[in-house]
């Protein structure tokens, strides 16, 4: 008894994505391609620099992505592939939430323009 065609397609798409991501990660580490330009906040850049300075985290992530994508291709080993991908995905999610929140989230939380602040104070004034 196997999985249905839509779930198989999802597995294959995720496997292709993580295989590509792992290969690109390795290509950057080996020096075949340059690293993508980054516009990171200071805390996120320091965290990423600390991970890179260890010397083993980035190659480990690349190998984990590649091996997990191979596991995702096959029905029997797909749960193992998902289990291997869970820690890096959680680390990326928590880094984006706590160290490098998006500008859209920041602008929603903190009014940037004085006009927005004035309107906010005007509509929340006591009657």
Protein backbone atom coordinates (compact mmCIF):
# COMPACT_ATOMS: atom_id res chain seq x y z
CA UNK A 1 0.00 0.00 0.00
CA UNK A 2 1.63 3.22 -1.15
CA UNK A 3 0.91 6.89 -0.96
CA UNK A 4 -1.48 8.77 -3.20
CA UNK A 5 -0.31 10.69 -6.24
CA UNK A 6 -0.69 14.20 -4.69
CA UNK A 7 1.42 13.24 -1.65
CA UNK A 8 3.98 11.64 -3.93
CA UNK A 9 4.16 14.86 -5.94
CA UNK A 10 4.65 16.89 -2.75
CA UNK A 11 7.43 14.53 -1.68
CA UNK A 12 9.16 14.82 -5.05
CA UNK A 13 8.92 18.63 -5.09
CA UNK A 14 10.35 18.87 -1.56
CA UNK A 15 13.07 16.37 -2.45
CA UNK A 16 14.01 18.39 -5.53
CA UNK A 17 14.03 21.64 -3.55
CA UNK A 18 16.26 20.33 -0.77
CA UNK A 19 18.54 18.54 -3.24
CA UNK A 20 18.99 21.84 -5.09
CA UNK A 21 19.49 23.76 -1.83
CA UNK A 22 22.07 21.25 -0.59
CA UNK A 23 23.96 21.26 -3.88
CA UNK A 24 24.00 25.06 -3.99
CA UNK A 25 25.15 25.14 -0.37
CA UNK A 26 28.02 22.79 -1.25
CA UNK A 27 28.86 24.82 -4.36
CA UNK A 28 29.20 27.95 -2.21
CA UNK A 29 31.32 26.09 0.35
CA UNK A 30 33.64 24.66 -2.31
CA UNK A 31 33.91 28.03 -4.03
CA UNK A 32 32.21 27.19 -7.33
CA UNK A 33 29.67 29.99 -6.89
CA UNK A 34 29.66 33.06 -4.73
CA UNK A 35 27.50 33.47 -1.68
CA UNK A 36 24.25 35.32 -2.27
CA UNK A 37 24.20 38.94 -1.11
CA UNK A 38 22.80 39.29 2.37
CA UNK A 39 21.10 42.20 4.03
CA UNK A 40 20.92 40.86 7.57
CA UNK A 41 20.46 42.67 10.86
CA UNK A 42 23.54 42.72 13.11
CA UNK A 43 22.33 39.98 15.46
CA UNK A 44 21.47 37.60 12.62
CA UNK A 45 24.78 38.31 10.87
CA UNK A 46 26.68 37.60 14.10
CA UNK A 47 24.79 34.33 14.56
CA UNK A 48 25.48 33.25 10.98
CA UNK A 49 29.15 34.24 11.30
CA UNK A 50 29.42 32.17 14.50
CA UNK A 51 27.93 29.13 12.75
CA UNK A 52 30.28 29.58 9.80
CA UNK A 53 33.32 30.00 12.04
CA UNK A 54 32.75 26.58 13.61
CA UNK A 55 33.74 25.04 10.29
CA UNK A 56 31.39 22.07 10.47
CA UNK A 57 27.84 23.45 10.64
CA UNK A 58 27.52 24.60 7.03
CA UNK A 59 28.91 21.40 5.45
CA UNK A 60 26.73 19.39 7.84
CA UNK A 61 23.66 21.35 6.73
CA UNK A 62 24.50 20.80 3.07
CA UNK A 63 24.98 17.06 3.54
CA UNK A 64 21.80 16.86 5.64
CA UNK A 65 19.80 18.57 2.89
CA UNK A 66 21.16 16.24 0.21
CA UNK A 67 20.73 13.03 2.21
CA UNK A 68 17.25 14.03 3.39
CA UNK A 69 16.17 14.80 -0.16
CA UNK A 70 17.28 11.32 -1.21
CA UNK A 71 15.26 9.85 1.66
CA UNK A 72 12.20 11.87 0.64
CA UNK A 73 12.14 10.30 -2.81
CA UNK A 74 11.28 6.84 -1.50
CA UNK A 75 8.02 6.09 0.31
CA UNK A 76 9.63 3.84 2.90
CA UNK A 77 12.32 6.32 3.97
CA UNK A 78 10.30 9.56 3.66
CA UNK A 79 9.62 9.80 7.43
CA UNK A 80 13.37 9.60 8.10
CA UNK A 81 13.95 12.38 5.57
CA UNK A 82 11.36 14.57 7.28
CA UNK A 83 12.89 13.81 10.70
CA UNK A 84 16.36 14.80 9.44
CA UNK A 85 15.03 18.04 7.93
CA UNK A 86 13.09 19.11 11.05
CA UNK A 87 16.02 20.55 13.09
CA UNK A 88 17.49 22.72 10.27
CA UNK A 89 14.04 23.97 9.29
CA UNK A 90 13.26 24.81 12.92
CA UNK A 91 16.61 26.62 13.25
CA UNK A 92 15.91 28.65 10.09
CA UNK A 93 12.39 29.50 11.29
CA UNK A 94 13.53 30.59 14.75
CA UNK A 95 16.38 32.63 13.27
CA UNK A 96 13.96 34.45 10.98
CA UNK A 97 11.45 35.06 13.76
CA UNK A 98 13.79 36.20 16.53
CA UNK A 99 16.98 37.49 14.89
CA UNK A 100 15.85 38.78 11.49
CA UNK A 101 12.14 39.58 11.48
CA UNK A 102 10.81 40.79 8.17
CA UNK A 103 10.42 44.49 7.52
CA UNK A 104 6.68 44.00 7.05
CA UNK A 105 6.39 42.57 10.56
CA UNK A 106 8.51 45.37 12.00
CA UNK A 107 6.44 48.05 10.30
CA UNK A 108 3.25 46.47 11.60
CA UNK A 109 4.62 46.42 15.13
CA UNK A 110 6.29 49.85 15.17
CA UNK A 111 4.78 52.87 13.40
CA UNK A 112 7.60 54.32 11.30
CA UNK A 113 6.14 57.62 10.22
CA UNK A 114 5.16 60.39 12.60
CA UNK A 115 1.88 60.72 10.69
CA UNK A 116 0.96 57.14 11.53
CA UNK A 117 1.81 57.73 15.17
CA UNK A 118 -0.21 60.95 15.24
CA UNK A 119 -3.25 59.19 13.73
CA UNK A 120 -2.86 56.33 16.18
CA UNK A 121 -2.73 58.73 19.13
CA UNK A 122 -5.67 60.73 17.77
CA UNK A 123 -7.96 57.71 17.41
CA UNK A 124 -7.00 56.25 20.79
CA UNK A 125 -7.43 59.47 22.79
CA UNK A 126 -9.96 59.53 25.59
CA UNK A 127 -13.33 61.00 24.59
